[in-house]
């Protein structure tokens, strides 16, 4: 569920992200650069979450 509209009702807001890069660690290929945010797929989209995986260990 998203934030309130001007009339105080709630509405769904598209959320999504992009995998920008993949890397292989210990034989496993995983997303290594990721961006995510609200209004995904629209002109309002902005990414507020960014991650860069520099190291991964699997047990």
PDB file of N, CA and C in Angstrom:
ATOM      1  N   UNK A   1       0.850  -1.166   0.000  1.00  0.00           N
ATOM      2  CA  UNK A   1       0.000   0.000   0.000  1.00  0.00           C
ATOM      3  C   UNK A   1       0.900   1.234   0.000  1.00  0.00           C
ATOM      4  N   UNK A   2       0.459   2.252  -0.632  1.00  0.00           N
ATOM      5  CA  UNK A   2       1.258   3.463  -0.748  1.00  0.00           C
ATOM      6  C   UNK A   2       0.831   4.542   0.208  1.00  0.00           C
ATOM      7  N   UNK A   3       1.131   5.738  -0.154  1.00  0.00           N
ATOM      8  CA  UNK A   3       0.826   6.877   0.712  1.00  0.00           C
ATOM      9  C   UNK A   3      -0.578   7.399   0.446  1.00  0.00           C
ATOM     10  N   UNK A   4      -0.990   8.322   1.277  1.00  0.00           N
ATOM     11  CA  UNK A   4      -2.328   8.900   1.140  1.00  0.00           C
ATOM     12  C   UNK A   4      -2.408   9.834  -0.069  1.00  0.00           C
ATOM     13  N   UNK A   5      -3.593   9.855  -0.662  1.00  0.00           N
ATOM     14  CA  UNK A   5      -3.892  10.832  -1.708  1.00  0.00           C
ATOM     15  C   UNK A   5      -4.318  12.134  -1.060  1.00  0.00           C
ATOM     16  N   UNK A   6      -4.592  13.128  -1.874  1.00  0.00           N
ATOM     17  CA  UNK A   6      -5.041  14.421  -1.347  1.00  0.00           C
ATOM     18  C   UNK A   6      -6.355  14.297  -0.585  1.00  0.00           C
ATOM     19  N   UNK A   7      -7.195  13.300  -0.933  1.00  0.00           N
ATOM     20  CA  UNK A   7      -8.467  13.122  -0.239  1.00  0.00           C
ATOM     21  C   UNK A   7      -8.340  12.192   0.975  1.00  0.00           C
ATOM     22  N   UNK A   8      -7.114  11.913   1.413  1.00  0.00           N
ATOM     23  CA  UNK A   8      -6.790  11.065   2.572  1.00  0.00           C
ATOM     24  C   UNK A   8      -7.049   9.580   2.353  1.00  0.00           C
ATOM     25  N   UNK A   9      -7.370   9.161   1.121  1.00  0.00           N
ATOM     26  CA  UNK A   9      -7.502   7.738   0.843  1.00  0.00           C
ATOM     27  C   UNK A   9      -6.132   7.179   0.462  1.00  0.00           C
ATOM     28  N   UNK A  10      -5.989   5.873   0.584  1.00  0.00           N
ATOM     29  CA  UNK A  10      -4.728   5.232   0.212  1.00  0.00           C
ATOM     30  C   UNK A  10      -4.839   4.645  -1.181  1.00  0.00           C
ATOM     31  N   UNK A  11      -3.715   4.549  -1.849  1.00  0.00           N
ATOM     32  CA  UNK A  11      -3.682   3.969  -3.189  1.00  0.00           C
ATOM     33  C   UNK A  11      -2.394   3.178  -3.351  1.00  0.00           C
ATOM     34  N   UNK A  12      -2.402   2.233  -4.270  1.00  0.00           N
ATOM     35  CA  UNK A  12      -1.193   1.477  -4.571  1.00  0.00           C
ATOM     36  C   UNK A  12      -0.268   2.328  -5.427  1.00  0.00           C
ATOM     37  N   UNK A  13       1.012   2.267  -5.102  1.00  0.00           N
ATOM     38  CA  UNK A  13       2.028   3.003  -5.848  1.00  0.00           C
ATOM     39  C   UNK A  13       3.004   1.975  -6.393  1.00  0.00           C
ATOM     40  N   UNK A  14       3.303   2.008  -7.688  1.00  0.00           N
ATOM     41  CA  UNK A  14       4.219   1.029  -8.249  1.00  0.00           C
ATOM     42  C   UNK A  14       5.597   1.118  -7.590  1.00  0.00           C
ATOM     43  N   UNK A  15       6.114  -0.027  -7.191  1.00  0.00           N
ATOM     44  CA  UNK A  15       7.445  -0.107  -6.603  1.00  0.00           C
ATOM     45  C   UNK A  15       8.232  -1.132  -7.395  1.00  0.00           C
ATOM     46  N   UNK A  16       9.479  -0.821  -7.677  1.00  0.00           N
ATOM     47  CA  UNK A  16      10.294  -1.777  -8.415  1.00  0.00           C
ATOM     48  C   UNK A  16      11.732  -1.344  -8.449  1.00  0.00           C
ATOM     49  N   UNK A  17      12.514  -2.118  -9.147  1.00  0.00           N
ATOM     50  CA  UNK A  17      13.924  -1.813  -9.219  1.00  0.00           C
ATOM     51  C   UNK A  17      14.565  -2.413 -10.451  1.00  0.00           C
ATOM     52  N   UNK A  18      15.834  -2.131 -10.576  1.00  0.00           N
ATOM     53  CA  UNK A  18      16.610  -2.595 -11.718  1.00  0.00           C
ATOM     54  C   UNK A  18      17.884  -3.273 -11.237  1.00  0.00           C
ATOM     55  N   UNK A  19      18.219  -4.358 -11.882  1.00  0.00           N
ATOM     56  CA  UNK A  19      19.520  -4.986 -11.687  1.00  0.00           C
ATOM     57  C   UNK A  19      20.404  -4.416 -12.784  1.00  0.00           C
ATOM     58  N   UNK A  20      21.422  -3.688 -12.383  1.00  0.00           N
ATOM     59  CA  UNK A  20      22.278  -3.001 -13.350  1.00  0.00           C
ATOM     60  C   UNK A  20      23.545  -3.779 -13.683  1.00  0.00           C
ATOM     61  N   UNK A  21      23.899  -4.704 -12.804  1.00  0.00           N
ATOM     62  CA  UNK A  21      25.131  -5.458 -13.021  1.00  0.00           C
ATOM     63  C   UNK A  21      25.046  -6.779 -12.274  1.00  0.00           C
ATOM     64  N   UNK A  22      25.716  -7.800 -12.798  1.00  0.00           N
ATOM     65  CA  UNK A  22      25.834  -9.094 -12.121  1.00  0.00           C
ATOM     66  C   UNK A  22      27.310  -9.441 -11.983  1.00  0.00           C
ATOM     67  N   UNK A  23      27.633 -10.177 -10.912  1.00  0.00           N
ATOM     68  CA  UNK A  23      29.002 -10.664 -10.710  1.00  0.00           C
ATOM     69  C   UNK A  23      28.930 -12.094 -10.202  1.00  0.00           C
ATOM     70  N   UNK A  24      30.018 -12.820 -10.408  1.00  0.00           N
ATOM     71  CA  UNK A  24      30.095 -14.206  -9.955  1.00  0.00           C
ATOM     72  C   UNK A  24      31.023 -14.281  -8.751  1.00  0.00           C
ATOM     73  N   UNK A  25      30.495 -14.869  -7.674  1.00  0.00           N
ATOM     74  CA  UNK A  25      31.248 -15.086  -6.438  1.00  0.00           C
ATOM     75  C   UNK A  25      31.133 -16.564  -6.090  1.00  0.00           C
ATOM     76  N   UNK A  26      32.248 -17.234  -5.927  1.00  0.00           N
ATOM     77  CA  UNK A  26      32.234 -18.634  -5.511  1.00  0.00           C
ATOM     78  C   UNK A  26      31.390 -19.529  -6.405  1.00  0.00           C
ATOM     79  N   UNK A  27      31.344 -19.229  -7.694  1.00  0.00           N
ATOM     80  CA  UNK A  27      30.590 -20.046  -8.630  1.00  0.00           C
ATOM     81  C   UNK A  27      29.110 -19.680  -8.755  1.00  0.00           C
ATOM     82  N   UNK A  28      28.643 -18.676  -7.999  1.00  0.00           N
ATOM     83  CA  UNK A  28      27.255 -18.231  -8.066  1.00  0.00           C
ATOM     84  C   UNK A  28      27.196 -16.829  -8.671  1.00  0.00           C
ATOM     85  N   UNK A  29      26.380 -16.644  -9.682  1.00  0.00           N
ATOM     86  CA  UNK A  29      26.192 -15.330 -10.284  1.00  0.00           C
ATOM     87  C   UNK A  29      24.965 -14.686  -9.644  1.00  0.00           C
ATOM     88  N   UNK A  30      25.173 -13.493  -9.092  1.00  0.00           N
ATOM     89  CA  UNK A  30      24.104 -12.783  -8.380  1.00  0.00           C
ATOM     90  C   UNK A  30      24.070 -11.318  -8.822  1.00  0.00           C
ATOM     91  N   UNK A  31      22.941 -10.631  -8.599  1.00  0.00           N
ATOM     92  CA  UNK A  31      22.922  -9.188  -8.859  1.00  0.00           C
ATOM     93  C   UNK A  31      23.961  -8.493  -7.980  1.00  0.00           C
ATOM     94  N   UNK A  32      24.744  -7.611  -8.567  1.00  0.00           N
ATOM     95  CA  UNK A  32      25.774  -6.925  -7.781  1.00  0.00           C
ATOM     96  C   UNK A  32      25.576  -5.409  -7.738  1.00  0.00           C
ATOM     97  N   UNK A  33      24.723  -4.886  -8.592  1.00  0.00           N
ATOM     98  CA  UNK A  33      24.374  -3.465  -8.519  1.00  0.00           C
ATOM     99  C   UNK A  33      22.868  -3.364  -8.724  1.00  0.00           C
ATOM    100  N   UNK A  34      22.174  -2.800  -7.726  1.00  0.00           N
ATOM    101  CA  UNK A  34      20.713  -2.774  -7.712  1.00  0.00           C
ATOM    102  C   UNK A  34      20.241  -1.378  -7.327  1.00  0.00           C
ATOM    103  N   UNK A  35      19.217  -0.889  -8.001  1.00  0.00           N
ATOM    104  CA  UNK A  35      18.530   0.351  -7.645  1.00  0.00           C
ATOM    105  C   UNK A  35      17.051   0.038  -7.501  1.00  0.00           C
ATOM    106  N   UNK A  36      16.363   0.686  -6.548  1.00  0.00           N
ATOM    107  CA  UNK A  36      14.931   0.462  -6.364  1.00  0.00           C
ATOM    108  C   UNK A  36      14.262   1.743  -5.867  1.00  0.00           C
ATOM    109  N   UNK A  37      12.953   1.858  -6.155  1.00  0.00           N
ATOM    110  CA  UNK A  37      12.223   3.033  -5.695  1.00  0.00           C
ATOM    111  C   UNK A  37      10.746   2.970  -6.030  1.00  0.00           C
ATOM    112  N   UNK A  38      10.027   3.983  -5.543  1.00  0.00           N
ATOM    113  CA  UNK A  38       8.589   4.128  -5.791  1.00  0.00           C
ATOM    114  C   UNK A  38       8.351   4.680  -7.183  1.00  0.00           C
ATOM    115  N   UNK A  39       7.166   4.474  -7.686  1.00  0.00           N
ATOM    116  CA  UNK A  39       6.695   4.933  -8.989  1.00  0.00           C
ATOM    117  C   UNK A  39       7.487   4.302 -10.124  1.00  0.00           C
ATOM    118  N   UNK A  40       7.925   3.063  -9.930  1.00  0.00           N
ATOM    119  CA  UNK A  40       8.710   2.348 -10.941  1.00  0.00           C
ATOM    120  C   UNK A  40       7.921   2.250 -12.246  1.00  0.00           C
ATOM    121  N   UNK A  41       8.583   2.517 -13.352  1.00  0.00           N
ATOM    122  CA  UNK A  41       7.940   2.436 -14.655  1.00  0.00           C
ATOM    123  C   UNK A  41       7.165   3.672 -15.050  1.00  0.00           C
ATOM    124  N   UNK A  42       7.260   4.746 -14.257  1.00  0.00           N
ATOM    125  CA  UNK A  42       6.559   5.991 -14.580  1.00  0.00           C
ATOM    126  C   UNK A  42       7.557   7.141 -14.627  1.00  0.00           C
ATOM    127  N   UNK A  43       7.090   8.296 -15.057  1.00  0.00           N
ATOM    128  CA  UNK A  43       7.935   9.496 -15.091  1.00  0.00           C
ATOM    129  C   UNK A  43       8.282   9.988 -13.688  1.00  0.00           C
ATOM    130  N   UNK A  44       7.518   9.561 -12.678  1.00  0.00           N
ATOM    131  CA  UNK A  44       7.768   9.986 -11.296  1.00  0.00           C
ATOM    132  C   UNK A  44       8.835   9.153 -10.597  1.00  0.00           C
ATOM    133  N   UNK A  45       9.309   8.082 -11.225  1.00  0.00           N
ATOM    134  CA  UNK A  45      10.245   7.159 -10.582  1.00  0.00           C
ATOM    135  C   UNK A  45      11.511   7.863 -10.115  1.00  0.00           C
ATOM    136  N   UNK A  46      11.912   7.549  -8.900  1.00  0.00           N
ATOM    137  CA  UNK A  46      13.231   7.940  -8.412  1.00  0.00           C
ATOM    138  C   UNK A  46      13.728   6.810  -7.527  1.00  0.00           C
ATOM    139  N   UNK A  47      14.991   6.501  -7.648  1.00  0.00           N
ATOM    140  CA  UNK A  47      15.537   5.420  -6.824  1.00  0.00           C
ATOM    141  C   UNK A  47      16.019   5.989  -5.501  1.00  0.00           C
ATOM    142  N   UNK A  48      15.557   5.395  -4.416  1.00  0.00           N
ATOM    143  CA  UNK A  48      15.999   5.809  -3.087  1.00  0.00           C
ATOM    144  C   UNK A  48      16.853   4.726  -2.439  1.00  0.00           C
ATOM    145  N   UNK A  49      16.926   3.568  -3.091  1.00  0.00           N
ATOM    146  CA  UNK A  49      17.755   2.480  -2.582  1.00  0.00           C
ATOM    147  C   UNK A  49      18.741   2.089  -3.667  1.00  0.00           C
ATOM    148  N   UNK A  50      20.021   2.083  -3.300  1.00  0.00           N
ATOM    149  CA  UNK A  50      21.079   1.664  -4.221  1.00  0.00           C
ATOM    150  C   UNK A  50      22.009   0.731  -3.470  1.00  0.00           C
ATOM    151  N   UNK A  51      22.363  -0.372  -4.097  1.00  0.00           N
ATOM    152  CA  UNK A  51      23.260  -1.337  -3.449  1.00  0.00           C
ATOM    153  C   UNK A  51      24.305  -1.812  -4.440  1.00  0.00           C
ATOM    154  N   UNK A  52      25.517  -1.942  -3.953  1.00  0.00           N
ATOM    155  CA  UNK A  52      26.613  -2.506  -4.699  1.00  0.00           C
ATOM    156  C   UNK A  52      27.193  -3.642  -3.872  1.00  0.00           C
ATOM    157  N   UNK A  53      27.138  -4.846  -4.397  1.00  0.00           N
ATOM    158  CA  UNK A  53      27.681  -6.009  -3.707  1.00  0.00           C
ATOM    159  C   UNK A  53      29.122  -6.163  -4.178  1.00  0.00           C
ATOM    160  N   UNK A  54      30.050  -6.060  -3.244  1.00  0.00           N
ATOM    161  CA  UNK A  54      31.462  -6.167  -3.579  1.00  0.00           C
ATOM    162  C   UNK A  54      32.055  -7.511  -3.180  1.00  0.00           C
ATOM    163  N   UNK A  55      31.383  -8.205  -2.273  1.00  0.00           N
ATOM    164  CA  UNK A  55      31.885  -9.494  -1.816  1.00  0.00           C
ATOM    165  C   UNK A  55      30.706 -10.338  -1.344  1.00  0.00           C
ATOM    166  N   UNK A  56      30.754 -11.619  -1.644  1.00  0.00           N
ATOM    167  CA  UNK A  56      29.710 -12.538  -1.166  1.00  0.00           C
ATOM    168  C   UNK A  56      30.373 -13.868  -0.827  1.00  0.00           C
ATOM    169  N   UNK A  57      29.956 -14.429   0.303  1.00  0.00           N
ATOM    170  CA  UNK A  57      30.451 -15.743   0.738  1.00  0.00           C
ATOM    171  C   UNK A  57      29.272 -16.674   0.916  1.00  0.00           C
ATOM    172  N   UNK A  58      29.401 -17.878   0.440  1.00  0.00           N
ATOM    173  CA  UNK A  58      28.343 -18.876   0.542  1.00  0.00           C
ATOM    174  C   UNK A  58      28.858 -20.043   1.361  1.00  0.00           C
ATOM    175  N   UNK A  59      28.049 -20.510   2.294  1.00  0.00           N
ATOM    176  CA  UNK A  59      28.448 -21.590   3.182  1.00  0.00           C
ATOM    177  C   UNK A  59      27.656 -22.842   2.908  1.00  0.00           C
TER     178      UNK A  59
END
